[in-house]
C-alpha atoms as a PDB file:
ATOM      1  CA  MET A   1     -22.218   1.358  -6.210  1.00  0.00           C
ATOM      2  CA  THR A   2     -24.422   2.574  -3.562  1.00  0.00           C
ATOM      3  CA  ILE A   3     -25.646   6.221  -3.150  1.00  0.00           C
ATOM      4  CA  ALA A   4     -23.164   6.662  -0.380  1.00  0.00           C
ATOM      5  CA  GLU A   5     -20.360   5.240  -2.216  1.00  0.00           C
ATOM      6  CA  GLY A   6     -20.921   7.802  -5.194  1.00  0.00           C
ATOM      7  CA  TRP A   7     -21.282  10.637  -2.688  1.00  0.00           C
ATOM      8  CA  VAL A   8     -18.025   9.837  -0.888  1.00  0.00           C
ATOM      9  CA  GLU A   9     -15.922   9.735  -4.326  1.00  0.00           C
ATOM     10  CA  LEU A  10     -17.658  12.991  -5.285  1.00  0.00           C
ATOM     11  CA  VAL A  11     -16.566  14.656  -2.026  1.00  0.00           C
ATOM     12  CA  GLN A  12     -13.065  13.321  -2.301  1.00  0.00           C
ATOM     13  CA  ASP A  13     -12.678  14.480  -5.971  1.00  0.00           C
ATOM     14  CA  ARG A  14     -13.873  18.038  -5.085  1.00  0.00           C
ATOM     15  CA  ILE A  15     -11.981  18.705  -1.783  1.00  0.00           C
ATOM     16  CA  GLU A  16      -8.744  20.343  -2.079  1.00  0.00           C
ATOM     17  CA  VAL A  17      -6.262  18.823   0.326  1.00  0.00           C
ATOM     18  CA  PRO A  18      -2.925  20.421   1.120  1.00  0.00           C
ATOM     19  CA  ARG A  19       0.044  18.380  -0.183  1.00  0.00           C
ATOM     20  CA  SER A  20       1.178  17.498   3.261  1.00  0.00           C
ATOM     21  CA  ALA A  21      -1.972  15.551   3.998  1.00  0.00           C
ATOM     22  CA  ARG A  22      -4.102  12.912   2.645  1.00  0.00           C
ATOM     23  CA  LEU A  23      -8.060  12.483   2.572  1.00  0.00           C
ATOM     24  CA  ARG A  24      -8.971   8.943   3.548  1.00  0.00           C
ATOM     25  CA  LEU A  25     -12.370   7.147   3.934  1.00  0.00           C
ATOM     26  CA  THR A  26     -12.143   5.131   7.219  1.00  0.00           C
ATOM     27  CA  GLU A  27     -14.515   3.456   9.376  1.00  0.00           C
ATOM     28  CA  ASN A  28     -15.025   6.633  11.106  1.00  0.00           C
ATOM     29  CA  GLY A  29     -15.964   8.717   7.753  1.00  0.00           C
ATOM     30  CA  LEU A  30     -13.599  10.982   5.668  1.00  0.00           C
ATOM     31  CA  THR A  31     -10.252  11.712   7.820  1.00  0.00           C
ATOM     32  CA  LEU A  32      -7.636  14.177   6.838  1.00  0.00           C
ATOM     33  CA  VAL A  33      -4.281  12.484   7.440  1.00  0.00           C
ATOM     34  CA  PRO A  34      -1.011  14.330   7.986  1.00  0.00           C
ATOM     35  CA  VAL A  35       1.860  12.899   5.868  1.00  0.00           C
ATOM     36  CA  THR A  36       5.343  12.801   7.819  1.00  0.00           C
ATOM     37  CA  GLN A  37       8.719  13.182   6.203  1.00  0.00           C
ATOM     38  CA  ALA A  38       9.587   9.494   7.504  1.00  0.00           C
ATOM     39  CA  HIS A  39       6.473   8.196   5.659  1.00  0.00           C
ATOM     40  CA  THR A  40       7.017   9.947   2.390  1.00  0.00           C
ATOM     41  CA  THR A  41      10.827   9.453   2.461  1.00  0.00           C
ATOM     42  CA  THR A  42      10.432   5.608   2.992  1.00  0.00           C
ATOM     43  CA  ALA A  43       7.596   5.107   0.459  1.00  0.00           C
ATOM     44  CA  ARG A  44       9.923   6.681  -1.998  1.00  0.00           C
ATOM     45  CA  ARG A  45      12.975   4.670  -1.107  1.00  0.00           C
ATOM     46  CA  ILE A  46      10.811   1.531  -1.551  1.00  0.00           C
ATOM     47  CA  GLN A  47       9.761   2.562  -4.951  1.00  0.00           C
ATOM     48  CA  ASN A  48      13.246   3.431  -5.792  1.00  0.00           C
ATOM     49  CA  GLN A  49      14.358  -0.344  -4.880  1.00  0.00           C
ATOM     50  CA  ILE A  50      11.544  -1.636  -6.726  1.00  0.00           C
ATOM     51  CA  GLU A  51      12.578   0.113  -9.837  1.00  0.00           C
ATOM     52  CA  ALA A  52      16.113  -0.969  -9.460  1.00  0.00           C
ATOM     53  CA  GLY A  53      15.315  -4.606  -8.172  1.00  0.00           C
ATOM     54  CA  LEU A  54      12.602  -5.626 -10.621  1.00  0.00           C
ATOM     55  CA  PRO A  55      13.408  -5.616 -14.395  1.00  0.00           C
ATOM     56  CA  GLY A  56      10.273  -5.327 -16.381  1.00  0.00           C
ATOM     57  CA  TRP A  57       8.332  -3.816 -13.714  1.00  0.00           C
ATOM     58  CA  ALA A  58       7.421  -0.342 -12.671  1.00  0.00           C
ATOM     59  CA  ALA A  59       7.011   1.104  -9.028  1.00  0.00           C
ATOM     60  CA  VAL A  60       3.635   2.610  -8.475  1.00  0.00           C
ATOM     61  CA  GLY A  61       2.175   4.700  -5.651  1.00  0.00           C
ATOM     62  CA  GLU A  62      -0.522   7.234  -5.189  1.00  0.00           C
ATOM     63  CA  PHE A  63      -3.272   5.002  -6.730  1.00  0.00           C
ATOM     64  CA  SER A  64      -6.559   3.557  -5.725  1.00  0.00           C
ATOM     65  CA  LEU A  65      -7.174  -0.359  -5.972  1.00  0.00           C
ATOM     66  CA  VAL A  66     -10.355  -1.268  -7.934  1.00  0.00           C
ATOM     67  CA  PRO A  67     -12.881  -2.484  -7.846  1.00  0.00           C
ATOM     68  CA  PRO A  68     -14.252  -0.847  -4.779  1.00  0.00           C
ATOM     69  CA  ARG A  69     -15.333  -3.300  -2.113  1.00  0.00           C
ATOM     70  CA  GLU A  70     -17.926  -2.257   0.429  1.00  0.00           C
ATOM     71  CA  GLY A  71     -17.436   1.400  -0.757  1.00  0.00           C
ATOM     72  CA  TYR A  72     -13.627   1.189  -0.118  1.00  0.00           C
ATOM     73  CA  LYS A  73     -10.850   1.628  -2.578  1.00  0.00           C
ATOM     74  CA  PRO A  74      -7.503   1.121  -0.739  1.00  0.00           C
ATOM     75  CA  GLU A  75      -4.665   3.446  -1.735  1.00  0.00           C
ATOM     76  CA  PRO A  76      -1.413   1.506  -1.008  1.00  0.00           C
ATOM     77  CA  ASP A  77       1.876   3.456  -0.586  1.00  0.00           C
ATOM     78  CA  ALA A  78       3.641   1.530  -3.020  1.00  0.00           C
ATOM     79  CA  ALA A  79       3.507  -1.666  -5.344  1.00  0.00           C
ATOM     80  CA  ALA A  80       4.703  -2.878  -8.366  1.00  0.00           C
ATOM     81  CA  LEU A  81       3.201  -3.209 -11.967  1.00  0.00           C
ATOM     82  CA  PRO A  82       4.277  -5.026 -15.037  1.00  0.00           C
ATOM     83  CA  LEU A  83       5.598  -2.339 -17.447  1.00  0.00           C
ATOM     84  CA  ASP A  84       3.064  -3.335 -20.185  1.00  0.00           C
ATOM     85  CA  GLN A  85       0.370  -2.572 -17.625  1.00  0.00           C
ATOM     86  CA  VAL A  86       1.271   1.059 -16.856  1.00  0.00           C
ATOM     87  CA  HIS A  87      -1.153   3.500 -17.953  1.00  0.00           C
ATOM     88  CA  PRO A  88       0.150   6.966 -17.375  1.00  0.00           C
ATOM     89  CA  GLY A  89      -3.205   8.763 -17.471  1.00  0.00           C
ATOM     90  CA  GLU A  90      -4.879   6.370 -14.900  1.00  0.00           C
ATOM     91  CA  SER A  91      -5.065   6.875 -10.957  1.00  0.00           C
ATOM     92  CA  GLU A  92      -6.761   3.501 -10.425  1.00  0.00           C
ATOM     93  CA  ILE A  93      -5.282   0.018 -10.695  1.00  0.00           C
ATOM     94  CA  ASN A  94      -7.138  -3.448 -10.910  1.00  0.00           C
ATOM     95  CA  GLU A  95      -6.223  -5.591  -7.853  1.00  0.00           C
ATOM     96  CA  ALA A  96      -5.597  -8.535 -10.055  1.00  0.00           C
ATOM     97  CA  LEU A  97      -2.592  -7.021 -11.637  1.00  0.00           C
ATOM     98  CA  LEU A  98      -0.762  -6.477  -8.353  1.00  0.00           C
ATOM     99  CA  PRO A  99       1.555  -9.057  -6.906  1.00  0.00           C
ATOM    100  CA  PHE A 100       2.282  -7.159  -3.540  1.00  0.00           C
ATOM    101  CA  VAL A 101       1.150  -4.071  -1.800  1.00  0.00           C
ATOM    102  CA  VAL A 102       3.288  -1.933   0.838  1.00  0.00           C
ATOM    103  CA  GLU A 103       1.708   0.495   3.479  1.00  0.00           C
ATOM    104  CA  VAL A 104       4.000   2.672   5.430  1.00  0.00           C
ATOM    105  CA  VAL A 105       2.529   3.198   9.005  1.00  0.00           C
ATOM    106  CA  SER A 106       1.691   6.740  10.257  1.00  0.00           C
ATOM    107  CA  PRO A 107       0.480   7.365  13.688  1.00  0.00           C
ATOM    108  CA  GLU A 108      -3.015   7.902  12.505  1.00  0.00           C
ATOM    109  CA  SER A 109      -2.915   4.812  10.199  1.00  0.00           C
ATOM    110  CA  LYS A 110      -1.460   2.259  12.465  1.00  0.00           C
ATOM    111  CA  ASN A 111      -4.611   0.586  13.446  1.00  0.00           C
ATOM    112  CA  ARG A 112      -5.996   0.126  10.006  1.00  0.00           C
ATOM    113  CA  ASP A 113      -2.542  -0.933   8.505  1.00  0.00           C
ATOM    114  CA  TYR A 114      -2.274  -3.769  10.978  1.00  0.00           C
ATOM    115  CA  ASN A 115      -6.003  -4.716  11.710  1.00  0.00           C
ATOM    116  CA  THR A 116      -8.108  -3.584   8.852  1.00  0.00           C
ATOM    117  CA  LYS A 117      -6.041  -3.669   5.724  1.00  0.00           C
ATOM    118  CA  PRO A 118      -4.640  -7.227   5.961  1.00  0.00           C
ATOM    119  CA  SER A 119      -8.244  -8.696   5.365  1.00  0.00           C
ATOM    120  CA  HIS A 120      -8.933  -6.184   2.659  1.00  0.00           C
ATOM    121  CA  TYR A 121      -5.963  -7.090   0.834  1.00  0.00           C
ATOM    122  CA  ALA A 122      -6.220 -10.847   1.341  1.00  0.00           C
ATOM    123  CA  LEU A 123      -9.797 -10.813   0.251  1.00  0.00           C
ATOM    124  CA  ARG A 124      -8.734  -8.985  -2.885  1.00  0.00           C
ATOM    125  CA  GLY A 125      -6.163 -11.919  -3.476  1.00  0.00           C
ATOM    126  CA  ILE A 126      -3.181  -9.867  -3.424  1.00  0.00           C
ATOM    127  CA  PRO A 127      -0.430 -12.386  -2.692  1.00  0.00           C
ATOM    128  CA  VAL A 128       1.719 -10.451  -0.539  1.00  0.00           C
ATOM    129  CA  TYR A 129       1.167  -7.394   1.980  1.00  0.00           C
ATOM    130  CA  LEU A 130       4.078  -5.627   3.313  1.00  0.00           C
ATOM    131  CA  ILE A 131       3.715  -3.313   6.658  1.00  0.00           C
ATOM    132  CA  VAL A 132       6.495  -0.861   7.063  1.00  0.00           C
ATOM    133  CA  ASP A 133       6.207   0.634  10.502  1.00  0.00           C
ATOM    134  CA  VAL A 134       8.418   3.781  10.845  1.00  0.00           C
ATOM    135  CA  LEU A 135       7.160   4.239  14.345  1.00  0.00           C
ATOM    136  CA  SER A 136       8.782   1.148  15.632  1.00  0.00           C
ATOM    137  CA  ALA A 137      11.559   0.606  12.806  1.00  0.00           C
ATOM    138  CA  THR A 138       9.970  -2.825  12.125  1.00  0.00           C
ATOM    139  CA  TRP A 139       8.261  -4.620   9.020  1.00  0.00           C
ATOM    140  CA  THR A 140       5.855  -7.364   8.702  1.00  0.00           C
ATOM    141  CA  LEU A 141       5.500  -9.437   5.445  1.00  0.00           C
ATOM    142  CA  LEU A 142       2.033 -11.169   5.191  1.00  0.00           C
ATOM    143  CA  THR A 143       1.761 -13.758   2.573  1.00  0.00           C
ATOM    144  CA  GLN A 144      -0.573 -16.709   1.318  1.00  0.00           C
ATOM    145  CA  PRO A 145      -4.049 -15.077   1.217  1.00  0.00           C
ATOM    146  CA  GLU A 146      -6.688 -17.593   2.102  1.00  0.00           C
ATOM    147  CA  ASP A 147     -10.379 -16.913   2.851  1.00  0.00           C
ATOM    148  CA  GLY A 148      -9.734 -13.210   3.685  1.00  0.00           C
ATOM    149  CA  THR A 149      -6.720 -14.145   5.990  1.00  0.00           C
ATOM    150  CA  TYR A 150      -2.959 -14.182   5.289  1.00  0.00           C
ATOM    151  CA  GLN A 151      -1.584 -17.631   6.472  1.00  0.00           C
ATOM    152  CA  CYS A 152       2.131 -16.704   6.706  1.00  0.00           C
ATOM    153  CA  THR A 153       3.850 -13.899   8.771  1.00  0.00           C
ATOM    154  CA  GLN A 154       7.377 -12.846   8.928  1.00  0.00           C
ATOM    155  CA  SER A 155       8.698  -9.783  10.819  1.00  0.00           C
ATOM    156  CA  GLY A 156      11.972  -8.049  11.348  1.00  0.00           C
ATOM    157  CA  PRO A 157      13.747  -4.924  12.372  1.00  0.00           C
ATOM    158  CA  PHE A 158      14.871  -2.200   9.934  1.00  0.00           C
ATOM    159  CA  GLY A 159      18.284  -3.180   8.871  1.00  0.00           C
ATOM    160  CA  LYS A 160      17.309  -6.800   7.698  1.00  0.00           C
ATOM    161  CA  GLU A 161      16.402  -7.653   4.094  1.00  0.00           C
ATOM    162  CA  ILE A 162      13.007  -8.298   2.936  1.00  0.00           C
ATOM    163  CA  ALA A 163      12.491 -10.881   0.301  1.00  0.00           C
ATOM    164  CA  ILE A 164       9.151 -10.567  -1.809  1.00  0.00           C
ATOM    165  CA  PRO A 165       8.335 -13.235  -4.293  1.00  0.00           C
ATOM    166  CA  VAL A 166       6.956 -11.422  -7.653  1.00  0.00           C
ATOM    167  CA  ALA A 167       6.052 -13.498 -10.510  1.00  0.00           C
ATOM    168  CA  ASP A 168       9.080 -15.400 -11.468  1.00  0.00           C
ATOM    169  CA  GLN A 169      11.580 -13.190  -9.490  1.00  0.00           C
ATOM    170  CA  THR A 170      12.359 -12.143  -6.007  1.00  0.00           C
ATOM    171  CA  LEU A 171      12.468  -8.641  -5.125  1.00  0.00           C
ATOM    172  CA  THR A 172      14.793  -7.879  -2.017  1.00  0.00           C
ATOM    173  CA  LEU A 173      14.192  -4.678  -0.208  1.00  0.00           C
ATOM    174  CA  ASP A 174      17.170  -3.241   1.852  1.00  0.00           C
ATOM    175  CA  SER A 175      15.127  -2.091   5.020  1.00  0.00           C
ATOM    176  CA  SER A 176      18.170  -0.244   6.337  1.00  0.00           C
ATOM    177  CA  GLN A 177      17.162   2.528   3.813  1.00  0.00           C
ATOM    178  CA  PHE A 178      13.780   3.112   5.582  1.00  0.00           C
ATOM    179  CA  MET A 179      13.462   6.080   7.659  1.00  0.00           C
ATOM    180  CA  ARG A 180      12.176   6.001  11.514  1.00  0.00           C
ATOM    181  CA  ILE A 181      10.267   8.653  13.249  1.00  0.00           C
END
């Protein structure tokens, strides 16, 4: 970890941020990001479907992926973790444990969710990255990471089911439950 990376983590830990916003490290520095009801509701509904549709797994959100890479620890909106790997006192999850991550697009995060995060998640070897765009009522499923790029892409409108491979199971998300801005 460089001095700058340590400084960013120190600042993020000490700044008090309202519950209606998140502090994010972006290419432009630390950014205060508002959180919309569509974002919060959709992330919660995804987590509820994970809990209902994946026996033996827990839905997780509000966590950082470790190890940091280039000073960056992504914070996916939702993912699943095997029940025996859930540690209630921790706020970081090792990337190797996650079969997929979900980002819910906000007006401020759209460019990062579509253009920056795919390479971050693919380089980390996360098998599946789901982008849920509450702005356009569409979803994009990226799979088969190779050399920092996902090789397969599927997209659809809200209302269609999304099949996500998870270990020896398939999680089916009902995107008609997602909220649109």
